[in-house]
């Protein structure tokens, strides 16, 4: 029986990636030569080294559900860049969402049910 899903995302620069996800509230719990694990509560993200990745050509994406999207948007938006097409808004499918890209070009969308 499946008990959880753990995304594995690429990184180009490990330290920049760790610093970015720390701003989002993650803690780096494991740091290996070519691998990084970040956690926030029960959520776990794994990162693998991909030094030849071109962020502008990345197709990696992740959707994170949150419980206080307005506060997160305000706090994160003061420290990191919100995606130009990802401003906070309520979508027709019943989610309040915003998006940003990490230093590796991974699109991160945050959503909360309305």
C-alpha atoms as a PDB file:
ATOM      1  CA  UNK A   1       0.000   0.000   0.000  1.00  0.00           C
ATOM      2  CA  UNK A   2       1.317   3.441  -0.916  1.00  0.00           C
ATOM      3  CA  UNK A   3       1.680   5.688   2.130  1.00  0.00           C
ATOM      4  CA  UNK A   4       3.274   8.850   0.698  1.00  0.00           C
ATOM      5  CA  UNK A   5       4.678  10.529  -2.391  1.00  0.00           C
ATOM      6  CA  UNK A   6       8.114  12.126  -2.280  1.00  0.00           C
ATOM      7  CA  UNK A   7       9.023  14.325  -5.236  1.00  0.00           C
ATOM      8  CA  UNK A   8      12.596  14.136  -6.526  1.00  0.00           C
ATOM      9  CA  UNK A   9      13.636  17.453  -8.062  1.00  0.00           C
ATOM     10  CA  UNK A  10      16.870  18.569  -9.730  1.00  0.00           C
ATOM     11  CA  UNK A  11      19.339  21.097  -8.449  1.00  0.00           C
ATOM     12  CA  UNK A  12      22.178  22.887 -10.176  1.00  0.00           C
ATOM     13  CA  UNK A  13      23.690  24.539  -7.113  1.00  0.00           C
ATOM     14  CA  UNK A  14      22.988  22.729  -3.850  1.00  0.00           C
ATOM     15  CA  UNK A  15      23.500  25.737  -1.552  1.00  0.00           C
ATOM     16  CA  UNK A  16      21.245  28.052  -3.603  1.00  0.00           C
ATOM     17  CA  UNK A  17      18.579  25.351  -3.641  1.00  0.00           C
ATOM     18  CA  UNK A  18      18.835  24.780   0.129  1.00  0.00           C
ATOM     19  CA  UNK A  19      18.677  28.519   0.825  1.00  0.00           C
ATOM     20  CA  UNK A  20      15.614  28.938  -1.403  1.00  0.00           C
ATOM     21  CA  UNK A  21      13.660  26.130   0.252  1.00  0.00           C
ATOM     22  CA  UNK A  22      14.618  27.336   3.731  1.00  0.00           C
ATOM     23  CA  UNK A  23      12.825  30.612   2.934  1.00  0.00           C
ATOM     24  CA  UNK A  24       9.745  28.498   2.144  1.00  0.00           C
ATOM     25  CA  UNK A  25       9.952  26.967   5.626  1.00  0.00           C
ATOM     26  CA  UNK A  26      11.813  23.750   4.870  1.00  0.00           C
ATOM     27  CA  UNK A  27      14.609  22.311   6.996  1.00  0.00           C
ATOM     28  CA  UNK A  28      17.524  20.539   5.372  1.00  0.00           C
ATOM     29  CA  UNK A  29      17.532  17.163   7.107  1.00  0.00           C
ATOM     30  CA  UNK A  30      20.052  15.265   4.947  1.00  0.00           C
ATOM     31  CA  UNK A  31      22.925  16.578   2.868  1.00  0.00           C
ATOM     32  CA  UNK A  32      24.927  14.149   0.763  1.00  0.00           C
ATOM     33  CA  UNK A  33      27.508  14.908  -1.956  1.00  0.00           C
ATOM     34  CA  UNK A  34      24.970  14.750  -4.836  1.00  0.00           C
ATOM     35  CA  UNK A  35      21.679  14.609  -2.930  1.00  0.00           C
ATOM     36  CA  UNK A  36      19.677  16.791  -0.561  1.00  0.00           C
ATOM     37  CA  UNK A  37      16.554  16.143   1.529  1.00  0.00           C
ATOM     38  CA  UNK A  38      14.337  18.956   2.805  1.00  0.00           C
ATOM     39  CA  UNK A  39      11.364  18.541   5.127  1.00  0.00           C
ATOM     40  CA  UNK A  40       8.491  20.639   6.388  1.00  0.00           C
ATOM     41  CA  UNK A  41       6.201  18.856   8.810  1.00  0.00           C
ATOM     42  CA  UNK A  42       5.330  15.538   7.152  1.00  0.00           C
ATOM     43  CA  UNK A  43       6.283  16.836   3.702  1.00  0.00           C
ATOM     44  CA  UNK A  44       9.584  15.663   2.256  1.00  0.00           C
ATOM     45  CA  UNK A  45      11.336  16.837  -0.913  1.00  0.00           C
ATOM     46  CA  UNK A  46      14.400  15.132  -2.365  1.00  0.00           C
ATOM     47  CA  UNK A  47      16.850  16.880  -4.686  1.00  0.00           C
ATOM     48  CA  UNK A  48      19.417  15.320  -6.997  1.00  0.00           C
ATOM     49  CA  UNK A  49      22.400  16.939  -8.683  1.00  0.00           C
ATOM     50  CA  UNK A  50      21.766  17.957 -12.295  1.00  0.00           C
ATOM     51  CA  UNK A  51      24.566  20.449 -13.110  1.00  0.00           C
ATOM     52  CA  UNK A  52      23.803  20.600 -16.848  1.00  0.00           C
ATOM     53  CA  UNK A  53      20.144  21.583 -16.315  1.00  0.00           C
ATOM     54  CA  UNK A  54      19.163  24.843 -17.995  1.00  0.00           C
ATOM     55  CA  UNK A  55      16.565  26.499 -15.725  1.00  0.00           C
ATOM     56  CA  UNK A  56      14.813  28.214 -18.633  1.00  0.00           C
ATOM     57  CA  UNK A  57      14.245  24.813 -20.263  1.00  0.00           C
ATOM     58  CA  UNK A  58      13.158  22.943 -17.134  1.00  0.00           C
ATOM     59  CA  UNK A  59       9.835  21.084 -17.281  1.00  0.00           C
ATOM     60  CA  UNK A  60       9.868  20.136 -13.589  1.00  0.00           C
ATOM     61  CA  UNK A  61       6.815  21.196 -11.557  1.00  0.00           C
ATOM     62  CA  UNK A  62       5.400  20.616  -8.097  1.00  0.00           C
ATOM     63  CA  UNK A  63       2.096  21.604  -6.466  1.00  0.00           C
ATOM     64  CA  UNK A  64       2.074  22.219  -2.710  1.00  0.00           C
ATOM     65  CA  UNK A  65      -1.168  22.552  -0.758  1.00  0.00           C
ATOM     66  CA  UNK A  66      -1.007  25.027   2.110  1.00  0.00           C
ATOM     67  CA  UNK A  67      -3.338  26.125   4.892  1.00  0.00           C
ATOM     68  CA  UNK A  68      -2.732  29.916   5.003  1.00  0.00           C
ATOM     69  CA  UNK A  69      -1.912  30.968   1.472  1.00  0.00           C
ATOM     70  CA  UNK A  70      -2.407  34.702   2.000  1.00  0.00           C
ATOM     71  CA  UNK A  71       0.179  34.861   4.788  1.00  0.00           C
ATOM     72  CA  UNK A  72       2.579  32.619   2.862  1.00  0.00           C
ATOM     73  CA  UNK A  73       2.217  34.805  -0.237  1.00  0.00           C
ATOM     74  CA  UNK A  74       2.958  37.944   1.739  1.00  0.00           C
ATOM     75  CA  UNK A  75       5.934  36.462   3.613  1.00  0.00           C
ATOM     76  CA  UNK A  76       7.491  34.658   0.664  1.00  0.00           C
ATOM     77  CA  UNK A  77       6.851  37.529  -1.755  1.00  0.00           C
ATOM     78  CA  UNK A  78       9.011  39.812   0.400  1.00  0.00           C
ATOM     79  CA  UNK A  79      12.022  37.481   0.016  1.00  0.00           C
ATOM     80  CA  UNK A  80      11.584  35.607  -3.282  1.00  0.00           C
ATOM     81  CA  UNK A  81      10.259  36.468  -6.735  1.00  0.00           C
ATOM     82  CA  UNK A  82       6.711  35.461  -7.580  1.00  0.00           C
ATOM     83  CA  UNK A  83       6.360  34.067 -11.119  1.00  0.00           C
ATOM     84  CA  UNK A  84       5.237  36.781 -13.567  1.00  0.00           C
ATOM     85  CA  UNK A  85       2.144  34.729 -14.416  1.00  0.00           C
ATOM     86  CA  UNK A  86       1.701  33.396 -10.891  1.00  0.00           C
ATOM     87  CA  UNK A  87       0.227  36.199  -8.793  1.00  0.00           C
ATOM     88  CA  UNK A  88      -2.110  35.147  -5.991  1.00  0.00           C
ATOM     89  CA  UNK A  89      -5.637  34.652  -7.268  1.00  0.00           C
ATOM     90  CA  UNK A  90      -8.700  32.483  -6.810  1.00  0.00           C
ATOM     91  CA  UNK A  91      -9.075  30.033  -9.678  1.00  0.00           C
ATOM     92  CA  UNK A  92     -12.321  28.754 -11.191  1.00  0.00           C
ATOM     93  CA  UNK A  93     -11.528  25.238  -9.933  1.00  0.00           C
ATOM     94  CA  UNK A  94     -11.895  26.290  -6.295  1.00  0.00           C
ATOM     95  CA  UNK A  95      -8.265  26.899  -5.383  1.00  0.00           C
ATOM     96  CA  UNK A  96      -6.491  30.075  -4.319  1.00  0.00           C
ATOM     97  CA  UNK A  97      -3.029  29.834  -5.905  1.00  0.00           C
ATOM     98  CA  UNK A  98       0.278  31.502  -6.678  1.00  0.00           C
ATOM     99  CA  UNK A  99       3.447  30.269  -8.381  1.00  0.00           C
ATOM    100  CA  UNK A 100       7.188  30.815  -8.397  1.00  0.00           C
ATOM    101  CA  UNK A 101      10.235  29.108  -9.811  1.00  0.00           C
ATOM    102  CA  UNK A 102      13.134  27.828  -7.763  1.00  0.00           C
ATOM    103  CA  UNK A 103      16.770  28.501  -8.779  1.00  0.00           C
ATOM    104  CA  UNK A 104      16.658  25.383 -10.971  1.00  0.00           C
ATOM    105  CA  UNK A 105      13.627  26.380 -13.010  1.00  0.00           C
ATOM    106  CA  UNK A 106      11.200  24.104 -11.160  1.00  0.00           C
ATOM    107  CA  UNK A 107       7.742  25.683 -11.155  1.00  0.00           C
ATOM    108  CA  UNK A 108       6.245  25.597  -7.658  1.00  0.00           C
ATOM    109  CA  UNK A 109       2.533  26.273  -7.349  1.00  0.00           C
ATOM    110  CA  UNK A 110       0.996  26.782  -3.914  1.00  0.00           C
ATOM    111  CA  UNK A 111      -2.715  26.178  -3.493  1.00  0.00           C
ATOM    112  CA  UNK A 112      -5.422  26.312  -0.860  1.00  0.00           C
ATOM    113  CA  UNK A 113      -9.035  25.240  -1.266  1.00  0.00           C
ATOM    114  CA  UNK A 114     -11.564  28.062  -1.003  1.00  0.00           C
END
